[in-house]
Amino acid sequence: DFRVPDLGVHRGDPIDTWLPTAAIVVEVRCPDDETYDKFEFYFEHGG
């Protein structure tokens, strides 16, 4: 269960394949993509 933001701003030194959260999630939205559908997931994961 994961999402792939286009960019991220992180605290510390993120080196793992699977990150539990991010300080800032950046989405470059294209027409018809699922950017806004991911917001609940990002909120639940402490973004």
All heavy atoms as atom14 arrays in JSON, in Angstrom:
{
  "sequence": "DFRVPDLGVHRGDPIDTWLPTAAIVVEVRCPDDETYDKFEFYFEHGG",
  "atom14_mask": [
    [1, 1, 1, 1, 1, 1, 1, 1, 0, 0, 0, 0, 0, 0],
    [1, 1, 1, 1, 1, 1, 1, 1, 1, 1, 1, 0, 0, 0],
    [1, 1, 1, 1, 1, 1, 1, 1, 1, 1, 1, 0, 0, 0],
    [1, 1, 1, 1, 1, 1, 1, 0, 0, 0, 0, 0, 0, 0],
    [1, 1, 1, 1, 1, 1, 1, 0, 0, 0, 0, 0, 0, 0],
    [1, 1, 1, 1, 1, 1, 1, 1, 0, 0, 0, 0, 0, 0],
    [1, 1, 1, 1, 1, 1, 1, 1, 0, 0, 0, 0, 0, 0],
    [1, 1, 1, 1, 0, 0, 0, 0, 0, 0, 0, 0, 0, 0],
    [1, 1, 1, 1, 1, 1, 1, 0, 0, 0, 0, 0, 0, 0],
    [1, 1, 1, 1, 1, 1, 1, 1, 1, 1, 0, 0, 0, 0],
    [1, 1, 1, 1, 1, 1, 1, 1, 1, 1, 1, 0, 0, 0],
    [1, 1, 1, 1, 0, 0, 0, 0, 0, 0, 0, 0, 0, 0],
    [1, 1, 1, 1, 1, 1, 1, 1, 0, 0, 0, 0, 0, 0],
    [1, 1, 1, 1, 1, 1, 1, 0, 0, 0, 0, 0, 0, 0],
    [1, 1, 1, 1, 1, 1, 1, 1, 0, 0, 0, 0, 0, 0],
    [1, 1, 1, 1, 1, 1, 1, 1, 0, 0, 0, 0, 0, 0],
    [1, 1, 1, 1, 1, 1, 1, 0, 0, 0, 0, 0, 0, 0],
    [1, 1, 1, 1, 1, 1, 1, 1, 1, 1, 1, 1, 1, 1],
    [1, 1, 1, 1, 1, 1, 1, 1, 0, 0, 0, 0, 0, 0],
    [1, 1, 1, 1, 1, 1, 1, 0, 0, 0, 0, 0, 0, 0],
    [1, 1, 1, 1, 1, 1, 1, 0, 0, 0, 0, 0, 0, 0],
    [1, 1, 1, 1, 1, 0, 0, 0, 0, 0, 0, 0, 0, 0],
    [1, 1, 1, 1, 1, 0, 0, 0, 0, 0, 0, 0, 0, 0],
    [1, 1, 1, 1, 1, 1, 1, 1, 0, 0, 0, 0, 0, 0],
    [1, 1, 1, 1, 1, 1, 1, 0, 0, 0, 0, 0, 0, 0],
    [1, 1, 1, 1, 1, 1, 1, 0, 0, 0, 0, 0, 0, 0],
    [1, 1, 1, 1, 1, 1, 1, 1, 1, 0, 0, 0, 0, 0],
    [1, 1, 1, 1, 1, 1, 1, 0, 0, 0, 0, 0, 0, 0],
    [1, 1, 1, 1, 1, 1, 1, 1, 1, 1, 1, 0, 0, 0],
    [1, 1, 1, 1, 1, 1, 0, 0, 0, 0, 0, 0, 0, 0],
    [1, 1, 1, 1, 1, 1, 1, 0, 0, 0, 0, 0, 0, 0],
    [1, 1, 1, 1, 1, 1, 1, 1, 0, 0, 0, 0, 0, 0],
    [1, 1, 1, 1, 1, 1, 1, 1, 0, 0, 0, 0, 0, 0],
    [1, 1, 1, 1, 1, 1, 1, 1, 1, 0, 0, 0, 0, 0],
    [1, 1, 1, 1, 1, 1, 1, 0, 0, 0, 0, 0, 0, 0],
    [1, 1, 1, 1, 1, 1, 1, 1, 1, 1, 1, 1, 0, 0],
    [1, 1, 1, 1, 1, 1, 1, 1, 0, 0, 0, 0, 0, 0],
    [1, 1, 1, 1, 1, 1, 1, 1, 1, 0, 0, 0, 0, 0],
    [1, 1, 1, 1, 1, 1, 1, 1, 1, 1, 1, 0, 0, 0],
    [1, 1, 1, 1, 1, 1, 1, 1, 1, 0, 0, 0, 0, 0],
    [1, 1, 1, 1, 1, 1, 1, 1, 1, 1, 1, 0, 0, 0],
    [1, 1, 1, 1, 1, 1, 1, 1, 1, 1, 1, 1, 0, 0],
    [1, 1, 1, 1, 1, 1, 1, 1, 1, 1, 1, 0, 0, 0],
    [1, 1, 1, 1, 1, 1, 1, 1, 1, 0, 0, 0, 0, 0],
    [1, 1, 1, 1, 1, 1, 1, 1, 1, 1, 0, 0, 0, 0],
    [1, 1, 1, 1, 0, 0, 0, 0, 0, 0, 0, 0, 0, 0],
    [1, 1, 1, 1, 0, 0, 0, 0, 0, 0, 0, 0, 0, 0]
  ],
  "atom14_positions": [
    [[0.85, -1.19, 0.0], [0.0, 0.0, 0.0], [0.89, 1.24, 0.0], [1.37, 1.66, 1.05], [-0.92, 0.0, 1.23], [-2.03, 1.04, 1.12], [-2.27, 1.55, 0.0], [-2.65, 1.35, 2.16], [0.0, 0.0, 0.0], [0.0, 0.0, 0.0], [0.0, 0.0, 0.0], [0.0, 0.0, 0.0], [0.0, 0.0, 0.0], [0.0, 0.0, 0.0]],
    [[1.13, 1.79, -1.17], [2.02, 2.94, -1.26], [1.62, 3.86, -2.4], [0.93, 3.47, -3.33], [3.48, 2.5, -1.41], [3.78, 1.81, -2.72], [4.25, 2.53, -3.82], [3.61, 0.45, -2.86], [4.53, 1.9, -5.02], [3.89, -0.19, -4.05], [4.36, 0.53, -5.14], [0.0, 0.0, 0.0], [0.0, 0.0, 0.0], [0.0, 0.0, 0.0]],
    [[2.09, 5.1, -2.31], [1.9, 6.09, -3.36], [3.27, 6.61, -3.77], [4.23, 6.51, -3.0], [1.02, 7.26, -2.9], [-0.29, 6.85, -2.2], [-1.24, 6.13, -3.12], [-2.47, 5.79, -2.39], [-2.68, 4.63, -1.78], [-1.73, 3.69, -1.81], [-3.81, 4.4, -1.16], [0.0, 0.0, 0.0], [0.0, 0.0, 0.0], [0.0, 0.0, 0.0]],
    [[3.36, 7.18, -4.95], [4.64, 7.67, -5.47], [4.5, 9.15, -5.81], [4.13, 9.51, -6.93], [5.08, 6.87, -6.71], [6.46, 7.34, -7.17], [5.11, 5.38, -6.41], [0.0, 0.0, 0.0], [0.0, 0.0, 0.0], [0.0, 0.0, 0.0], [0.0, 0.0, 0.0], [0.0, 0.0, 0.0], [0.0, 0.0, 0.0], [0.0, 0.0, 0.0]],
    [[4.79, 10.05, -4.85], [4.76, 11.49, -5.16], [5.85, 11.83, -6.17], [6.86, 11.12, -6.31], [5.04, 12.14, -3.79], [4.77, 11.08, -2.77], [5.12, 9.79, -3.44], [0.0, 0.0, 0.0], [0.0, 0.0, 0.0], [0.0, 0.0, 0.0], [0.0, 0.0, 0.0], [0.0, 0.0, 0.0], [0.0, 0.0, 0.0], [0.0, 0.0, 0.0]],
    [[5.65, 12.94, -6.87], [6.65, 13.36, -7.86], [7.91, 13.89, -7.2], [9.02, 13.71, -7.72], [6.05, 14.44, -8.77], [4.94, 13.88, -9.64], [5.19, 12.87, -10.32], [3.83, 14.44, -9.63], [0.0, 0.0, 0.0], [0.0, 0.0, 0.0], [0.0, 0.0, 0.0], [0.0, 0.0, 0.0], [0.0, 0.0, 0.0], [0.0, 0.0, 0.0]],
    [[7.75, 14.56, -6.06], [8.89, 15.07, -5.29], [8.55, 14.96, -3.81], [7.38, 14.84, -3.43], [9.17, 16.55, -5.61], [9.55, 16.93, -7.03], [9.4, 18.44, -7.23], [10.98, 16.52, -7.33], [0.0, 0.0, 0.0], [0.0, 0.0, 0.0], [0.0, 0.0, 0.0], [0.0, 0.0, 0.0], [0.0, 0.0, 0.0], [0.0, 0.0, 0.0]],
    [[9.57, 15.05, -2.97], [9.35, 15.05, -1.53], [10.37, 15.89, -0.81], [11.51, 16.04, -1.28], [0.0, 0.0, 0.0], [0.0, 0.0, 0.0], [0.0, 0.0, 0.0], [0.0, 0.0, 0.0], [0.0, 0.0, 0.0], [0.0, 0.0, 0.0], [0.0, 0.0, 0.0], [0.0, 0.0, 0.0], [0.0, 0.0, 0.0], [0.0, 0.0, 0.0]],
    [[9.96, 16.49, 0.29], [10.88, 17.18, 1.19], [10.86, 16.39, 2.49], [9.79, 16.13, 3.06], [10.44, 18.64, 1.44], [11.4, 19.33, 2.4], [10.38, 19.4, 0.11], [0.0, 0.0, 0.0], [0.0, 0.0, 0.0], [0.0, 0.0, 0.0], [0.0, 0.0, 0.0], [0.0, 0.0, 0.0], [0.0, 0.0, 0.0], [0.0, 0.0, 0.0]],
    [[12.06, 16.0, 2.95], [12.16, 15.05, 4.04], [13.01, 15.57, 5.19], [13.94, 16.36, 4.99], [12.8, 13.74, 3.54], [12.2, 13.21, 2.29], [11.11, 12.36, 2.28], [12.52, 13.43, 0.97], [10.8, 12.05, 1.03], [11.64, 12.7, 0.22], [0.0, 0.0, 0.0], [0.0, 0.0, 0.0], [0.0, 0.0, 0.0], [0.0, 0.0, 0.0]],
    [[12.69, 15.09, 6.38], [13.53, 15.31, 7.55], [14.51, 14.15, 7.66], [14.19, 13.03, 7.3], [12.67, 15.4, 8.81], [11.62, 16.52, 8.77], [10.83, 16.57, 10.08], [9.74, 17.52, 10.02], [9.88, 18.83, 10.21], [11.08, 19.34, 10.49], [8.83, 19.64, 10.14], [0.0, 0.0, 0.0], [0.0, 0.0, 0.0], [0.0, 0.0, 0.0]],
    [[15.7, 14.44, 8.16], [16.69, 13.38, 8.34], [17.3, 12.95, 7.02], [17.41, 13.73, 6.07], [0.0, 0.0, 0.0], [0.0, 0.0, 0.0], [0.0, 0.0, 0.0], [0.0, 0.0, 0.0], [0.0, 0.0, 0.0], [0.0, 0.0, 0.0], [0.0, 0.0, 0.0], [0.0, 0.0, 0.0], [0.0, 0.0, 0.0], [0.0, 0.0, 0.0]],
    [[17.69, 11.68, 6.97], [18.39, 11.14, 5.8], [17.62, 9.94, 5.25], [17.87, 8.81, 5.65], [19.81, 10.72, 6.21], [20.66, 10.31, 5.03], [20.26, 10.61, 3.88], [21.72, 9.7, 5.25], [0.0, 0.0, 0.0], [0.0, 0.0, 0.0], [0.0, 0.0, 0.0], [0.0, 0.0, 0.0], [0.0, 0.0, 0.0], [0.0, 0.0, 0.0]],
    [[16.67, 10.17, 4.36], [15.84, 9.06, 3.86], [16.62, 8.17, 2.89], [16.99, 8.6, 1.79], [14.7, 9.79, 3.14], [15.31, 11.08, 2.69], [16.31, 11.46, 3.75], [0.0, 0.0, 0.0], [0.0, 0.0, 0.0], [0.0, 0.0, 0.0], [0.0, 0.0, 0.0], [0.0, 0.0, 0.0], [0.0, 0.0, 0.0], [0.0, 0.0, 0.0]],
    [[16.86, 6.95, 3.3], [17.63, 6.04, 2.45], [16.88, 4.75, 2.16], [17.35, 3.92, 1.37], [19.0, 5.7, 3.09], [18.8, 5.06, 4.47], [19.86, 6.96, 3.2], [20.1, 4.58, 5.1], [0.0, 0.0, 0.0], [0.0, 0.0, 0.0], [0.0, 0.0, 0.0], [0.0, 0.0, 0.0], [0.0, 0.0, 0.0], [0.0, 0.0, 0.0]],
    [[15.74, 4.55, 2.8], [15.0, 3.29, 2.63], [14.16, 3.3, 1.35], [13.81, 4.36, 0.83], [14.1, 3.03, 3.83], [14.89, 2.83, 5.11], [16.02, 2.32, 5.03], [14.37, 3.2, 6.19], [0.0, 0.0, 0.0], [0.0, 0.0, 0.0], [0.0, 0.0, 0.0], [0.0, 0.0, 0.0], [0.0, 0.0, 0.0], [0.0, 0.0, 0.0]],
    [[13.83, 2.13, 0.87], [12.96, 2.01, -0.31], [11.55, 2.45, 0.01], [10.89, 3.09, -0.82], [12.94, 0.55, -0.8], [14.27, 0.16, -1.16], [12.02, 0.4, -2.02], [0.0, 0.0, 0.0], [0.0, 0.0, 0.0], [0.0, 0.0, 0.0], [0.0, 0.0, 0.0], [0.0, 0.0, 0.0], [0.0, 0.0, 0.0], [0.0, 0.0, 0.0]],
    [[11.08, 2.14, 1.21], [9.72, 2.47, 1.62], [9.78, 3.47, 2.76], [10.29, 3.17, 3.84], [8.97, 1.2, 2.07], [9.09, 0.1, 1.08], [9.92, -0.98, 1.14], [8.38, -0.01, -0.16], [9.78, -1.76, 0.03], [8.84, -1.19, -0.78], [7.41, 0.75, -0.78], [8.35, -1.62, -2.01], [6.92, 0.34, -2.0], [7.39, -0.84, -2.6]],
    [[9.31, 4.69, 2.51], [9.32, 5.73, 3.53], [7.95, 5.85, 4.18], [6.93, 5.84, 3.48], [9.71, 7.08, 2.91], [11.08, 7.13, 2.22], [11.36, 8.56, 1.75], [12.19, 6.66, 3.15], [0.0, 0.0, 0.0], [0.0, 0.0, 0.0], [0.0, 0.0, 0.0], [0.0, 0.0, 0.0], [0.0, 0.0, 0.0], [0.0, 0.0, 0.0]],
    [[7.9, 5.98, 5.51], [6.6, 6.03, 6.2], [5.87, 7.35, 6.03], [4.64, 7.41, 6.14], [6.95, 5.78, 7.67], [8.37, 6.29, 7.79], [9.02, 5.96, 6.48], [0.0, 0.0, 0.0], [0.0, 0.0, 0.0], [0.0, 0.0, 0.0], [0.0, 0.0, 0.0], [0.0, 0.0, 0.0], [0.0, 0.0, 0.0], [0.0, 0.0, 0.0]],
    [[6.6, 8.43, 5.74], [5.97, 9.74, 5.62], [6.91, 10.7, 4.9], [8.0, 10.3, 4.47], [5.61, 10.3, 7.02], [4.8, 11.47, 6.88], [6.87, 10.63, 7.81], [0.0, 0.0, 0.0], [0.0, 0.0, 0.0], [0.0, 0.0, 0.0], [0.0, 0.0, 0.0], [0.0, 0.0, 0.0], [0.0, 0.0, 0.0], [0.0, 0.0, 0.0]],
    [[6.5, 11.95, 4.78], [7.34, 13.01, 4.22], [6.89, 14.32, 4.83], [5.72, 14.49, 5.18], [7.21, 13.07, 2.7], [0.0, 0.0, 0.0], [0.0, 0.0, 0.0], [0.0, 0.0, 0.0], [0.0, 0.0, 0.0], [0.0, 0.0, 0.0], [0.0, 0.0, 0.0], [0.0, 0.0, 0.0], [0.0, 0.0, 0.0], [0.0, 0.0, 0.0]],
    [[7.82, 15.26, 4.98], [7.45, 16.57, 5.49], [6.54, 17.29, 4.49], [5.51, 17.85, 4.86], [8.7, 17.39, 5.79], [0.0, 0.0, 0.0], [0.0, 0.0, 0.0], [0.0, 0.0, 0.0], [0.0, 0.0, 0.0], [0.0, 0.0, 0.0], [0.0, 0.0, 0.0], [0.0, 0.0, 0.0], [0.0, 0.0, 0.0], [0.0, 0.0, 0.0]],
    [[6.94, 17.27, 3.23], [6.15, 17.88, 2.16], [6.07, 16.9, 1.0], [7.09, 16.35, 0.56], [6.76, 19.2, 1.67], [6.9, 20.2, 2.81], [5.9, 19.81, 0.55], [7.6, 21.5, 2.41], [0.0, 0.0, 0.0], [0.0, 0.0, 0.0], [0.0, 0.0, 0.0], [0.0, 0.0, 0.0], [0.0, 0.0, 0.0], [0.0, 0.0, 0.0]],
    [[4.86, 16.67, 0.53], [4.63, 15.88, -0.67], [4.36, 16.85, -1.82], [3.6, 17.8, -1.67], [3.44, 14.92, -0.48], [2.96, 14.39, -1.81], [3.83, 13.79, 0.46], [0.0, 0.0, 0.0], [0.0, 0.0, 0.0], [0.0, 0.0, 0.0], [0.0, 0.0, 0.0], [0.0, 0.0, 0.0], [0.0, 0.0, 0.0], [0.0, 0.0, 0.0]],
    [[5.0, 16.64, -2.94], [4.8, 17.48, -4.12], [4.21, 16.63, -5.24], [4.76, 15.57, -5.58], [6.12, 18.13, -4.59], [5.86, 19.02, -5.8], [6.75, 18.93, -3.46], [0.0, 0.0, 0.0], [0.0, 0.0, 0.0], [0.0, 0.0, 0.0], [0.0, 0.0, 0.0], [0.0, 0.0, 0.0], [0.0, 0.0, 0.0], [0.0, 0.0, 0.0]],
    [[3.11, 17.11, -5.79], [2.48, 16.43, -6.92], [2.39, 17.39, -8.1], [1.86, 18.49, -7.97], [1.07, 15.93, -6.56], [1.03, 14.8, -5.54], [1.33, 13.44, -6.15], [1.59, 13.37, -7.37], [1.29, 12.44, -5.4], [0.0, 0.0, 0.0], [0.0, 0.0, 0.0], [0.0, 0.0, 0.0], [0.0, 0.0, 0.0], [0.0, 0.0, 0.0]],
    [[2.93, 17.0, -9.23], [2.75, 17.75, -10.48], [1.57, 17.08, -11.18], [1.69, 15.99, -11.74], [4.01, 17.7, -11.35], [3.79, 18.48, -12.64], [5.2, 18.27, -10.58], [0.0, 0.0, 0.0], [0.0, 0.0, 0.0], [0.0, 0.0, 0.0], [0.0, 0.0, 0.0], [0.0, 0.0, 0.0], [0.0, 0.0, 0.0], [0.0, 0.0, 0.0]],
    [[0.42, 17.75, -11.12], [-0.81, 17.12, -11.58], [-1.01, 17.23, -13.08], [-0.9, 18.3, -13.67], [-2.03, 17.72, -10.86], [-3.32, 17.04, -11.27], [-4.56, 17.67, -10.67], [-5.74, 17.0, -11.21], [-6.33, 17.34, -12.36], [-5.9, 18.4, -13.04], [-7.36, 16.66, -12.81], [0.0, 0.0, 0.0], [0.0, 0.0, 0.0], [0.0, 0.0, 0.0]],
    [[-1.3, 16.09, -13.68], [-1.68, 16.03, -15.09], [-3.19, 15.8, -15.17], [-3.8, 15.31, -14.22], [-0.96, 14.88, -15.79], [0.82, 15.09, -15.91], [0.0, 0.0, 0.0], [0.0, 0.0, 0.0], [0.0, 0.0, 0.0], [0.0, 0.0, 0.0], [0.0, 0.0, 0.0], [0.0, 0.0, 0.0], [0.0, 0.0, 0.0], [0.0, 0.0, 0.0]],
    [[-3.8, 16.12, -16.29], [-5.24, 15.86, -16.42], [-5.55, 14.38, -16.18], [-4.8, 13.5, -16.62], [-5.53, 16.25, -17.88], [-4.48, 17.26, -18.2], [-3.24, 16.81, -17.47], [0.0, 0.0, 0.0], [0.0, 0.0, 0.0], [0.0, 0.0, 0.0], [0.0, 0.0, 0.0], [0.0, 0.0, 0.0], [0.0, 0.0, 0.0], [0.0, 0.0, 0.0]],
    [[-6.61, 14.14, -15.45], [-7.13, 12.79, -15.23], [-6.25, 11.91, -14.35], [-6.45, 10.7, -14.3], [-7.37, 12.07, -16.57], [-8.24, 12.9, -17.5], [-9.31, 13.32, -17.05], [-7.83, 13.12, -18.65], [0.0, 0.0, 0.0], [0.0, 0.0, 0.0], [0.0, 0.0, 0.0], [0.0, 0.0, 0.0], [0.0, 0.0, 0.0], [0.0, 0.0, 0.0]],
    [[-5.25, 12.49, -13.66], [-4.49, 11.63, -12.75], [-5.19, 11.57, -11.39], [-6.27, 12.11, -11.19], [-3.02, 12.07, -12.65], [-2.78, 13.32, -11.81], [-3.71, 13.77, -11.11], [-1.65, 13.85, -11.84], [0.0, 0.0, 0.0], [0.0, 0.0, 0.0], [0.0, 0.0, 0.0], [0.0, 0.0, 0.0], [0.0, 0.0, 0.0], [0.0, 0.0, 0.0]],
    [[-4.57, 10.91, -10.42], [-5.22, 10.62, -9.14], [-4.64, 11.44, -7.98], [-4.7, 11.01, -6.83], [-5.12, 9.13, -8.84], [-5.84, 8.27, -9.87], [-5.7, 6.78, -9.6], [-4.56, 6.27, -9.69], [-6.72, 6.12, -9.31], [0.0, 0.0, 0.0], [0.0, 0.0, 0.0], [0.0, 0.0, 0.0], [0.0, 0.0, 0.0], [0.0, 0.0, 0.0]],
    [[-4.1, 12.62, -8.28], [-3.46, 13.44, -7.26], [-4.33, 13.64, -6.03], [-3.91, 13.36, -4.9], [-3.07, 14.81, -7.85], [-1.99, 14.64, -8.78], [-2.64, 15.78, -6.76], [0.0, 0.0, 0.0], [0.0, 0.0, 0.0], [0.0, 0.0, 0.0], [0.0, 0.0, 0.0], [0.0, 0.0, 0.0], [0.0, 0.0, 0.0], [0.0, 0.0, 0.0]],
    [[-5.55, 14.15, -6.23], [-6.38, 14.49, -5.08], [-6.94, 13.27, -4.36], [-7.29, 13.34, -3.19], [-7.51, 15.44, -5.51], [-6.98, 16.76, -6.02], [-7.16, 17.14, -7.35], [-6.28, 17.61, -5.18], [-6.65, 18.34, -7.83], [-5.77, 18.82, -5.64], [-5.96, 19.17, -6.97], [-5.45, 20.35, -7.43], [0.0, 0.0, 0.0], [0.0, 0.0, 0.0]],
    [[-7.0, 12.15, -5.04], [-7.44, 10.92, -4.4], [-6.41, 10.41, -3.4], [-6.72, 9.54, -2.56], [-7.71, 9.84, -5.44], [-8.85, 10.2, -6.37], [-9.78, 10.9, -5.92], [-8.8, 9.81, -7.55], [0.0, 0.0, 0.0], [0.0, 0.0, 0.0], [0.0, 0.0, 0.0], [0.0, 0.0, 0.0], [0.0, 0.0, 0.0], [0.0, 0.0, 0.0]],
    [[-5.18, 10.9, -3.47], [-4.12, 10.45, -2.57], [-4.06, 11.22, -1.26], [-3.34, 10.83, -0.35], [-2.75, 10.58, -3.26], [-2.61, 9.86, -4.59], [-1.23, 10.1, -5.16], [-1.06, 9.57, -6.56], [0.32, 9.8, -7.06], [0.0, 0.0, 0.0], [0.0, 0.0, 0.0], [0.0, 0.0, 0.0], [0.0, 0.0, 0.0], [0.0, 0.0, 0.0]],
    [[-4.81, 12.33, -1.17], [-4.68, 13.22, 0.0], [-4.97, 12.51, 1.32], [-4.28, 12.73, 2.32], [-5.59, 14.44, -0.16], [-4.98, 15.56, -0.95], [-4.21, 15.3, -2.08], [-5.17, 16.87, -0.57], [-3.65, 16.33, -2.82], [-4.6, 17.92, -1.29], [-3.85, 17.65, -2.42], [0.0, 0.0, 0.0], [0.0, 0.0, 0.0], [0.0, 0.0, 0.0]],
    [[-6.02, 11.69, 1.35], [-6.36, 10.99, 2.59], [-5.22, 10.08, 3.02], [-4.88, 10.0, 4.21], [-7.64, 10.18, 2.39], [-8.09, 9.45, 3.66], [-9.39, 8.69, 3.46], [-9.95, 8.73, 2.34], [-9.85, 8.06, 4.44], [0.0, 0.0, 0.0], [0.0, 0.0, 0.0], [0.0, 0.0, 0.0], [0.0, 0.0, 0.0], [0.0, 0.0, 0.0]],
    [[-4.62, 9.4, 2.08], [-3.48, 8.52, 2.37], [-2.32, 9.32, 2.94], [-1.71, 8.93, 3.95], [-3.05, 7.79, 1.09], [-1.91, 6.82, 1.27], [-2.15, 5.5, 1.59], [-0.6, 7.24, 1.1], [-1.1, 4.6, 1.76], [0.46, 6.35, 1.25], [0.21, 5.04, 1.59], [0.0, 0.0, 0.0], [0.0, 0.0, 0.0], [0.0, 0.0, 0.0]],
    [[-1.99, 10.44, 2.31], [-0.89, 11.27, 2.8], [-1.18, 11.8, 4.2], [-0.27, 11.89, 5.05], [-0.64, 12.43, 1.85], [-0.11, 12.04, 0.49], [-0.42, 12.79, -0.64], [0.7, 10.93, 0.33], [0.06, 12.44, -1.89], [1.19, 10.56, -0.91], [0.87, 11.32, -2.02], [1.35, 10.97, -3.26], [0.0, 0.0, 0.0], [0.0, 0.0, 0.0]],
    [[-2.43, 12.16, 4.47], [-2.81, 12.66, 5.8], [-2.65, 11.55, 6.84], [-2.08, 11.77, 7.92], [-4.25, 13.17, 5.78], [-4.64, 13.94, 7.03], [-4.44, 15.31, 7.11], [-5.23, 13.29, 8.11], [-4.79, 16.02, 8.24], [-5.59, 13.99, 9.25], [-5.37, 15.36, 9.31], [0.0, 0.0, 0.0], [0.0, 0.0, 0.0], [0.0, 0.0, 0.0]],
    [[-3.15, 10.36, 6.52], [-3.06, 9.24, 7.46], [-1.62, 8.84, 7.75], [-1.32, 8.31, 8.82], [-3.83, 8.04, 6.9], [-5.34, 8.24, 6.84], [-6.05, 7.12, 6.14], [-5.35, 6.29, 5.5], [-7.3, 7.06, 6.21], [0.0, 0.0, 0.0], [0.0, 0.0, 0.0], [0.0, 0.0, 0.0], [0.0, 0.0, 0.0], [0.0, 0.0, 0.0]],
    [[-0.73, 9.11, 6.81], [0.68, 8.76, 6.99], [1.52, 9.92, 7.52], [2.75, 9.88, 7.44], [1.25, 8.22, 5.67], [0.84, 6.81, 5.37], [-0.45, 6.48, 5.0], [1.52, 5.64, 5.43], [-0.52, 5.18, 4.81], [0.64, 4.64, 5.08], [0.0, 0.0, 0.0], [0.0, 0.0, 0.0], [0.0, 0.0, 0.0], [0.0, 0.0, 0.0]],
    [[0.87, 10.94, 8.07], [1.59, 12.0, 8.77], [2.22, 13.05, 7.9], [3.08, 13.8, 8.4], [0.0, 0.0, 0.0], [0.0, 0.0, 0.0], [0.0, 0.0, 0.0], [0.0, 0.0, 0.0], [0.0, 0.0, 0.0], [0.0, 0.0, 0.0], [0.0, 0.0, 0.0], [0.0, 0.0, 0.0], [0.0, 0.0, 0.0], [0.0, 0.0, 0.0]],
    [[1.86, 13.12, 6.63], [2.39, 14.19, 5.78], [2.02, 15.55, 6.37], [0.91, 15.75, 6.86], [0.0, 0.0, 0.0], [0.0, 0.0, 0.0], [0.0, 0.0, 0.0], [0.0, 0.0, 0.0], [0.0, 0.0, 0.0], [0.0, 0.0, 0.0], [0.0, 0.0, 0.0], [0.0, 0.0, 0.0], [0.0, 0.0, 0.0], [0.0, 0.0, 0.0]]
  ]
}
